[in-house]
Amino acid sequence: MTQNAPLRIAMLAPIAWRTPPHHYGPWELSTSVLTEALVARGVDVTLFATLDSATAGTLAGVVPRPYNDAPGIDAKVWEMRHVAHVMEQADAFDIIHNQADFVPLAFSRMIRTPIVTTLHGMPSERILPMLEEYQHDVDYVAISATDRSPVLRYAATIPHGIVVEAFPFGATPVRELLFFGRIHPDKGTAVAIAVAHAAGIPLHIAGIVQDERYFEEEVRPHIDGVTVRYSGALGGTERLSALGSAMALLHLIDFEEPFGLSVVEALACGTPVIAFRRGSMPDIVRDGVTGFVVDTPEQAVAAIDRVAGIDRHACRADVITRFSADRMAADYHALYGEMLARRAPKRRAMLAASR
């Protein structure tokens, strides 16, 4: 990078879904939001993603379509081609920002360009050996304060951001609760149904079915179109309407969730959140201010009775302050500068030795 030239970033997206996704795809969504916010700040970003992706920056790639949308795309084969395509051009960039998990780490010692990796979740025991091996070669970023492994070193904690302006404020909610997310035991769909029934409030469910057995046995039997209705995976205006019209979002998860984009999106629409005290939920939901953080289904039912006392304007204001796309981009932009500053003495020494 020459003086006064824009920073050149290679943004490496996952290829499970399009960037941005049409509906589900949290990693791809956060990658897209960051890319567009960086471009708006004057950063020269090349987005390496599936070729049906869209960006205001430069789109590059070799993967025709996401492997979740195209049965002919072998995930392992095309992921390797995708990552290699970026690494073969590494010298053209100041920094490679890896959003695509652990595979790119294997290239870090083969190139001169520094790599920063956003860890989108607490690493499993199977993946941890890879992250431990390369943690002194690659800068890691955690996405919430609670999602930091004690055995890894992190360069920063940078929560995800959203384009708040894209989420209309819902001032007049209907008498209905919302479950928004993948239908899976981890997400607590059946618990949300039980809590809504106990409170006597209808429940709207929206999201992809990720566990067919769970859906058929514990969710579908309760769908009657009145007390429980299911809308599938929502996108566009229907998604925004669902997030903004509910009296509260039920996020009664059964795992240590690293972030929770749907929680932030609901809050941006002014919808309070009732969440179990798991993972990043205490980091995101301000108990008694933007919703309630609870420990049991009974406490969740009690919280529904109090949700009318939550100021919906306060929910949106908190997202603007803490979870905006511009805040996220500013944090990453600063980190990029720190990374390059750390490497500057080493680079000067290498140039001097080559003369």
Protein backbone atom coordinates (compact mmCIF):
# COMPACT_ATOMS: atom_id res chain seq x y z
CA MET A 1 0.00 0.00 0.00
CA THR A 2 1.44 3.36 -1.03
CA GLN A 3 0.92 6.50 1.02
CA ASN A 4 -2.62 7.92 0.66
CA ALA A 5 -3.73 4.91 -1.41
CA PRO A 6 -6.91 3.19 -0.22
CA LEU A 7 -6.50 0.08 1.88
CA ARG A 8 -6.83 -3.05 -0.27
CA ILE A 9 -8.80 -5.80 1.47
CA ALA A 10 -9.54 -9.29 0.17
CA MET A 11 -12.77 -10.29 1.90
CA LEU A 12 -13.06 -14.07 1.87
CA ALA A 13 -16.70 -15.14 2.28
CA PRO A 14 -18.05 -18.64 2.95
CA ILE A 15 -19.67 -20.42 -0.01
CA ALA A 16 -22.52 -22.21 1.76
CA TRP A 17 -24.86 -19.40 0.67
CA ARG A 18 -24.81 -16.38 -1.59
CA THR A 19 -23.33 -13.15 -0.17
CA PRO A 20 -25.63 -11.58 0.92
CA PRO A 21 -27.98 -14.54 1.39
CA HIS A 22 -31.51 -14.53 0.04
CA HIS A 23 -32.82 -15.70 3.43
CA TYR A 24 -30.68 -17.81 5.79
CA GLY A 25 -26.89 -17.44 5.96
CA PRO A 26 -25.63 -15.52 9.02
CA TRP A 27 -21.92 -15.72 8.15
CA GLU A 28 -22.56 -14.54 4.60
CA LEU A 29 -24.86 -11.79 5.86
CA SER A 30 -22.36 -10.35 8.32
CA THR A 31 -19.63 -10.59 5.65
CA SER A 32 -21.80 -8.63 3.23
CA VAL A 33 -22.72 -5.96 5.76
CA LEU A 34 -19.06 -5.41 6.66
CA THR A 35 -17.97 -5.35 3.02
CA GLU A 36 -20.51 -2.71 2.03
CA ALA A 37 -19.77 -0.57 5.09
CA LEU A 38 -16.03 -0.68 4.38
CA VAL A 39 -16.59 0.30 0.74
CA ALA A 40 -18.69 3.24 1.95
CA ARG A 41 -15.70 4.31 4.06
CA GLY A 42 -13.45 4.38 0.99
CA VAL A 43 -11.74 1.01 1.50
CA ASP A 44 -10.90 -0.94 -1.67
CA VAL A 45 -12.59 -4.28 -0.99
CA THR A 46 -12.60 -7.31 -3.27
CA LEU A 47 -15.26 -9.76 -2.16
CA PHE A 48 -14.33 -13.37 -2.90
CA ALA A 49 -17.67 -15.17 -2.84
CA THR A 50 -19.97 -17.27 -5.00
CA LEU A 51 -20.40 -15.74 -8.45
CA ASP A 52 -24.10 -15.04 -7.89
CA SER A 53 -23.18 -12.71 -5.01
CA ALA A 54 -23.55 -8.93 -5.10
CA THR A 55 -21.41 -6.08 -3.76
CA ALA A 56 -20.61 -2.42 -4.28
CA GLY A 57 -16.96 -3.48 -4.16
CA THR A 58 -15.25 -5.80 -6.63
CA LEU A 59 -16.70 -9.30 -6.88
CA ALA A 60 -14.26 -12.14 -7.57
CA GLY A 61 -14.62 -15.88 -7.39
CA VAL A 62 -14.63 -19.28 -9.03
CA VAL A 63 -17.63 -20.95 -7.35
CA PRO A 64 -20.72 -20.67 -9.60
CA ARG A 65 -23.35 -21.06 -6.87
CA PRO A 66 -23.58 -21.86 -3.15
CA TYR A 67 -23.25 -25.54 -2.34
CA ASN A 68 -26.50 -25.43 -0.33
CA ASP A 69 -28.36 -24.30 -3.47
CA ALA A 70 -26.60 -26.48 -6.04
CA PRO A 71 -26.33 -30.27 -5.45
CA GLY A 72 -23.56 -30.48 -8.07
CA ILE A 73 -21.26 -28.21 -6.02
CA ASP A 74 -19.14 -30.43 -3.78
CA ALA A 75 -18.51 -28.36 -0.66
CA LYS A 76 -15.01 -29.69 0.09
CA VAL A 77 -13.72 -29.47 -3.49
CA TRP A 78 -15.03 -26.01 -4.23
CA GLU A 79 -14.06 -24.60 -0.84
CA MET A 80 -10.45 -25.52 -1.57
CA ARG A 81 -10.63 -23.92 -5.03
CA HIS A 82 -12.26 -20.86 -3.51
CA VAL A 83 -9.60 -20.37 -0.84
CA ALA A 84 -6.72 -21.11 -3.23
CA HIS A 85 -8.09 -18.52 -5.66
CA VAL A 86 -7.64 -15.84 -3.00
CA MET A 87 -4.25 -17.01 -1.78
CA GLU A 88 -2.80 -17.11 -5.29
CA GLN A 89 -3.45 -13.35 -5.47
CA ALA A 90 -2.39 -12.54 -1.90
CA ASP A 91 0.32 -10.05 -2.89
CA ALA A 92 -2.31 -7.83 -4.52
CA PHE A 93 -3.83 -7.03 -1.12
CA ASP A 94 -2.77 -5.37 2.11
CA ILE A 95 -4.86 -7.72 4.26
CA ILE A 96 -6.91 -10.86 3.73
CA HIS A 97 -10.00 -10.91 5.93
CA ASN A 98 -11.07 -14.52 6.35
CA GLN A 99 -14.74 -15.12 7.17
CA ALA A 100 -14.63 -18.73 5.97
CA ASP A 101 -13.55 -20.71 9.03
CA PHE A 102 -10.29 -22.64 9.48
CA VAL A 103 -9.19 -23.81 6.00
CA PRO A 104 -7.52 -20.51 4.99
CA LEU A 105 -5.28 -20.70 8.07
CA ALA A 106 -3.27 -23.46 6.40
CA PHE A 107 -2.04 -20.94 3.81
CA SER A 108 -0.97 -18.26 6.30
CA ARG A 109 2.71 -19.28 6.44
CA MET A 110 2.95 -19.51 2.64
CA ILE A 111 2.08 -15.88 1.92
CA ARG A 112 3.33 -12.48 3.06
CA THR A 113 -0.07 -10.80 3.31
CA PRO A 114 -1.44 -10.73 6.89
CA ILE A 115 -4.67 -12.58 7.59
CA VAL A 116 -7.38 -11.66 10.07
CA THR A 117 -10.00 -14.32 10.82
CA THR A 118 -13.42 -13.61 12.27
CA LEU A 119 -14.34 -16.60 14.43
CA HIS A 120 -18.09 -16.86 14.02
CA GLY A 121 -18.50 -19.19 16.96
CA MET A 122 -16.74 -20.90 19.81
CA PRO A 123 -14.48 -23.51 18.16
CA SER A 124 -15.29 -27.15 18.74
CA GLU A 125 -12.73 -29.55 20.17
CA ARG A 126 -12.20 -30.93 16.66
CA ILE A 127 -11.31 -27.52 15.19
CA LEU A 128 -9.40 -26.10 18.15
CA PRO A 129 -6.07 -27.82 17.31
CA MET A 130 -6.03 -25.99 13.95
CA LEU A 131 -6.75 -22.63 15.56
CA GLU A 132 -4.17 -23.16 18.29
CA GLU A 133 -1.51 -24.06 15.73
CA TYR A 134 -1.94 -20.86 13.70
CA GLN A 135 -2.88 -18.34 16.39
CA HIS A 136 0.54 -16.66 16.24
CA ASP A 137 0.35 -16.34 12.45
CA VAL A 138 -3.22 -15.06 12.11
CA ASP A 139 -5.16 -12.39 14.03
CA TYR A 140 -8.41 -13.75 15.50
CA VAL A 141 -11.51 -11.67 16.19
CA ALA A 142 -14.28 -12.77 18.58
CA ILE A 143 -17.83 -11.62 17.86
CA SER A 144 -18.93 -11.28 21.49
CA ALA A 145 -17.31 -10.96 24.90
CA THR A 146 -18.60 -14.37 25.99
CA ASP A 147 -17.48 -16.15 22.82
CA ARG A 148 -13.75 -16.24 23.52
CA SER A 149 -11.88 -19.51 24.00
CA PRO A 150 -9.50 -19.40 26.98
CA VAL A 151 -6.78 -21.17 24.97
CA LEU A 152 -6.71 -18.72 22.05
CA ARG A 153 -5.26 -15.23 21.70
CA TYR A 154 -7.51 -12.60 20.15
CA ALA A 155 -6.62 -9.34 18.47
CA ALA A 156 -10.05 -7.85 19.24
CA THR A 157 -13.68 -8.45 20.11
CA ILE A 158 -15.88 -6.89 17.43
CA PRO A 159 -19.61 -7.65 17.57
CA HIS A 160 -21.51 -7.92 14.31
CA GLY A 161 -23.36 -4.89 12.99
CA ILE A 162 -26.45 -4.39 10.86
CA VAL A 163 -27.71 -1.64 8.56
CA VAL A 164 -30.19 -0.21 11.04
CA GLU A 165 -31.86 1.95 8.38
CA ALA A 166 -32.91 -1.23 6.55
CA PHE A 167 -35.11 -2.24 9.49
CA PRO A 168 -38.28 -0.13 9.79
CA PHE A 169 -39.36 0.78 13.30
CA GLY A 170 -42.49 -1.05 14.43
CA ALA A 171 -44.38 1.33 16.71
CA THR A 172 -47.65 -0.60 16.91
CA PRO A 173 -47.09 -4.32 17.51
CA VAL A 174 -49.84 -6.90 17.20
CA ARG A 175 -50.76 -9.32 19.98
CA GLU A 176 -48.39 -12.03 18.81
CA LEU A 177 -44.99 -13.41 19.80
CA LEU A 178 -42.29 -14.30 17.29
CA PHE A 179 -39.82 -17.15 16.91
CA PHE A 180 -37.35 -16.26 14.15
CA GLY A 181 -34.52 -18.62 13.22
CA ARG A 182 -33.62 -22.12 12.13
CA ILE A 183 -35.92 -24.80 13.48
CA HIS A 184 -33.63 -26.96 15.56
CA PRO A 185 -33.49 -28.07 19.22
CA ASP A 186 -30.58 -25.66 19.79
CA LYS A 187 -32.85 -22.75 18.93
CA GLY A 188 -35.63 -23.84 21.26
CA THR A 189 -38.59 -23.75 18.87
CA ALA A 190 -40.63 -26.21 20.93
CA VAL A 191 -39.83 -24.30 24.13
CA ALA A 192 -41.08 -21.09 22.48
CA ILE A 193 -44.31 -22.86 21.59
CA ALA A 194 -44.80 -24.07 25.17
CA VAL A 195 -44.06 -20.61 26.61
CA ALA A 196 -46.45 -18.90 24.18
CA HIS A 197 -49.19 -21.44 25.03
CA ALA A 198 -48.65 -20.87 28.76
CA ALA A 199 -48.90 -17.11 28.27
CA GLY A 200 -52.01 -17.43 26.11
CA ILE A 201 -50.42 -15.45 23.27
CA PRO A 202 -50.28 -16.61 19.60
CA LEU A 203 -46.85 -17.48 18.22
CA HIS A 204 -45.53 -16.79 14.73
CA ILE A 205 -42.67 -19.11 13.66
CA ALA A 206 -40.37 -18.18 10.77
CA GLY A 207 -37.20 -19.94 9.64
CA ILE A 208 -35.69 -22.83 7.75
CA VAL A 209 -36.22 -26.38 9.00
CA GLN A 210 -32.78 -27.67 9.92
CA ASP A 211 -33.91 -30.74 11.88
CA GLU A 212 -36.75 -32.53 10.06
CA ARG A 213 -37.46 -35.04 12.85
CA TYR A 214 -37.66 -32.27 15.45
CA PHE A 215 -39.98 -30.26 13.21
CA GLU A 216 -42.31 -33.18 12.50
CA GLU A 217 -42.49 -34.44 16.08
CA GLU A 218 -42.29 -31.32 18.24
CA VAL A 219 -43.28 -28.36 16.09
CA ARG A 220 -45.70 -29.33 13.31
CA PRO A 221 -48.34 -30.89 15.63
CA HIS A 222 -48.83 -27.47 17.25
CA ILE A 223 -49.23 -25.52 14.01
CA ASP A 224 -52.91 -24.69 13.65
CA GLY A 225 -52.73 -21.30 11.95
CA VAL A 226 -54.28 -19.60 14.99
CA THR A 227 -52.34 -20.22 18.20
CA VAL A 228 -49.22 -21.20 16.23
CA ARG A 229 -48.54 -20.33 12.61
CA TYR A 230 -45.51 -21.13 10.47
CA SER A 231 -44.34 -18.99 7.55
CA GLY A 232 -41.19 -20.79 6.43
CA ALA A 233 -38.01 -18.87 5.64
CA LEU A 234 -38.97 -15.24 5.25
CA GLY A 235 -37.10 -12.66 3.20
CA GLY A 236 -37.64 -9.12 1.96
CA THR A 237 -40.57 -7.11 3.25
CA GLU A 238 -42.22 -10.15 4.87
CA ARG A 239 -39.14 -10.66 7.04
CA LEU A 240 -39.08 -7.03 8.09
CA SER A 241 -42.80 -7.06 8.83
CA ALA A 242 -42.46 -10.14 11.04
CA LEU A 243 -39.56 -8.67 13.00
CA GLY A 244 -41.26 -5.32 13.54
CA SER A 245 -44.84 -6.32 14.24
CA ALA A 246 -44.35 -8.77 17.11
CA MET A 247 -44.85 -7.78 20.74
CA ALA A 248 -41.66 -9.71 21.59
CA LEU A 249 -39.11 -12.11 20.09
CA LEU A 250 -38.72 -15.39 21.97
CA HIS A 251 -35.09 -16.51 21.78
CA LEU A 252 -35.08 -19.45 24.18
CA ILE A 253 -31.91 -21.14 22.97
CA ASP A 254 -30.33 -24.34 24.26
CA PHE A 255 -26.70 -23.70 23.32
CA GLU A 256 -23.99 -21.10 23.84
CA GLU A 257 -24.87 -18.92 20.88
CA PRO A 258 -21.92 -16.74 19.82
CA PHE A 259 -24.04 -13.80 18.66
CA GLY A 260 -27.60 -13.77 17.34
CA LEU A 261 -28.30 -11.57 14.33
CA SER A 262 -32.07 -12.07 14.53
CA VAL A 263 -31.99 -10.72 18.09
CA VAL A 264 -30.27 -7.51 16.98
CA GLU A 265 -32.54 -7.20 13.94
CA ALA A 266 -35.67 -7.51 16.09
CA LEU A 267 -34.34 -4.89 18.50
CA ALA A 268 -33.62 -2.56 15.56
CA CYS A 269 -37.30 -2.80 14.67
CA GLY A 270 -38.18 -1.90 18.26
CA THR A 271 -39.20 -5.43 19.22
CA PRO A 272 -38.08 -6.46 22.74
CA VAL A 273 -36.37 -9.80 23.18
CA ILE A 274 -36.96 -12.47 25.81
CA ALA A 275 -33.90 -14.72 25.82
CA PHE A 276 -32.42 -17.49 27.89
CA ARG A 277 -29.18 -16.65 29.68
CA ARG A 278 -26.99 -18.58 27.24
CA GLY A 279 -23.99 -17.55 25.17
CA SER A 280 -23.97 -13.92 24.07
CA MET A 281 -27.53 -13.12 25.09
CA PRO A 282 -26.54 -11.18 28.25
CA ASP A 283 -24.13 -9.19 26.05
CA ILE A 284 -26.83 -8.24 23.56
CA VAL A 285 -30.08 -7.94 25.53
CA ARG A 286 -30.05 -5.28 28.26
CA ASP A 287 -32.18 -6.91 30.94
CA GLY A 288 -35.16 -4.71 31.81
CA VAL A 289 -34.24 -2.15 29.13
CA THR A 290 -34.41 -3.88 25.74
CA GLY A 291 -35.99 -7.09 26.92
CA PHE A 292 -35.46 -9.76 29.54
CA VAL A 293 -32.74 -12.35 30.11
CA VAL A 294 -34.26 -15.34 31.90
CA ASP A 295 -33.24 -18.78 33.13
CA THR A 296 -36.41 -20.88 32.89
CA PRO A 297 -39.55 -21.19 30.75
CA GLU A 298 -41.59 -20.04 33.75
CA GLN A 299 -39.54 -16.85 33.94
CA ALA A 300 -40.04 -16.36 30.19
CA VAL A 301 -43.83 -16.58 30.67
CA ALA A 302 -43.64 -14.00 33.47
CA ALA A 303 -41.50 -11.75 31.27
CA ILE A 304 -44.19 -11.71 28.59
CA ASP A 305 -46.52 -10.04 31.11
CA ARG A 306 -43.93 -7.26 31.57
CA VAL A 307 -42.88 -6.76 27.97
CA ALA A 308 -45.36 -3.92 27.39
CA GLY A 309 -43.27 -1.86 29.81
CA ILE A 310 -40.22 -2.00 27.52
CA ASP A 311 -39.70 1.17 25.48
CA ARG A 312 -39.48 0.09 21.83
CA HIS A 313 -37.58 3.30 20.98
CA ALA A 314 -34.92 2.31 23.53
CA CYS A 315 -34.48 -1.04 21.78
CA ARG A 316 -33.71 0.65 18.48
CA ALA A 317 -31.50 3.30 20.06
CA ASP A 318 -29.35 0.62 21.71
CA VAL A 319 -28.76 -1.09 18.35
CA ILE A 320 -27.79 2.22 16.75
CA THR A 321 -25.22 2.79 19.48
CA ARG A 322 -23.75 -0.71 19.78
CA PHE A 323 -24.59 -2.78 16.71
CA SER A 324 -24.54 -0.55 13.63
CA ALA A 325 -22.73 -1.54 10.45
CA ASP A 326 -20.68 1.66 10.58
CA ARG A 327 -19.49 0.88 14.13
CA MET A 328 -18.45 -2.60 13.03
CA ALA A 329 -16.63 -1.26 9.97
CA ALA A 330 -14.86 1.41 12.04
CA ASP A 331 -13.64 -1.23 14.49
CA TYR A 332 -12.31 -3.47 11.73
CA HIS A 333 -10.77 -0.53 9.88
CA ALA A 334 -8.87 0.38 13.05
CA LEU A 335 -7.76 -3.24 13.49
CA TYR A 336 -6.45 -3.38 9.93
CA GLY A 337 -4.34 -0.30 10.67
CA GLU A 338 -2.97 -1.88 13.85
CA MET A 339 -2.07 -5.05 11.98
CA LEU A 340 -0.15 -3.17 9.30
CA ALA A 341 1.58 -0.97 11.88
CA ARG A 342 2.78 -4.09 13.70
CA ARG A 343 4.27 -5.46 10.52
CA ALA A 344 5.88 -2.20 9.36
CA PRO A 345 9.21 -2.64 11.24
CA LYS A 346 9.58 -6.19 9.92
CA ARG A 347 8.81 -5.02 6.37
CA ARG A 348 11.38 -2.19 6.60
CA ALA A 349 13.99 -4.67 7.81
CA MET A 350 13.24 -7.02 4.92
CA LEU A 351 13.53 -4.18 2.38
CA ALA A 352 16.82 -3.02 3.90
CA ALA A 353 18.24 -6.55 3.78
CA SER A 354 17.33 -6.90 0.10
CA ARG A 355 19.28 -3.77 -0.94
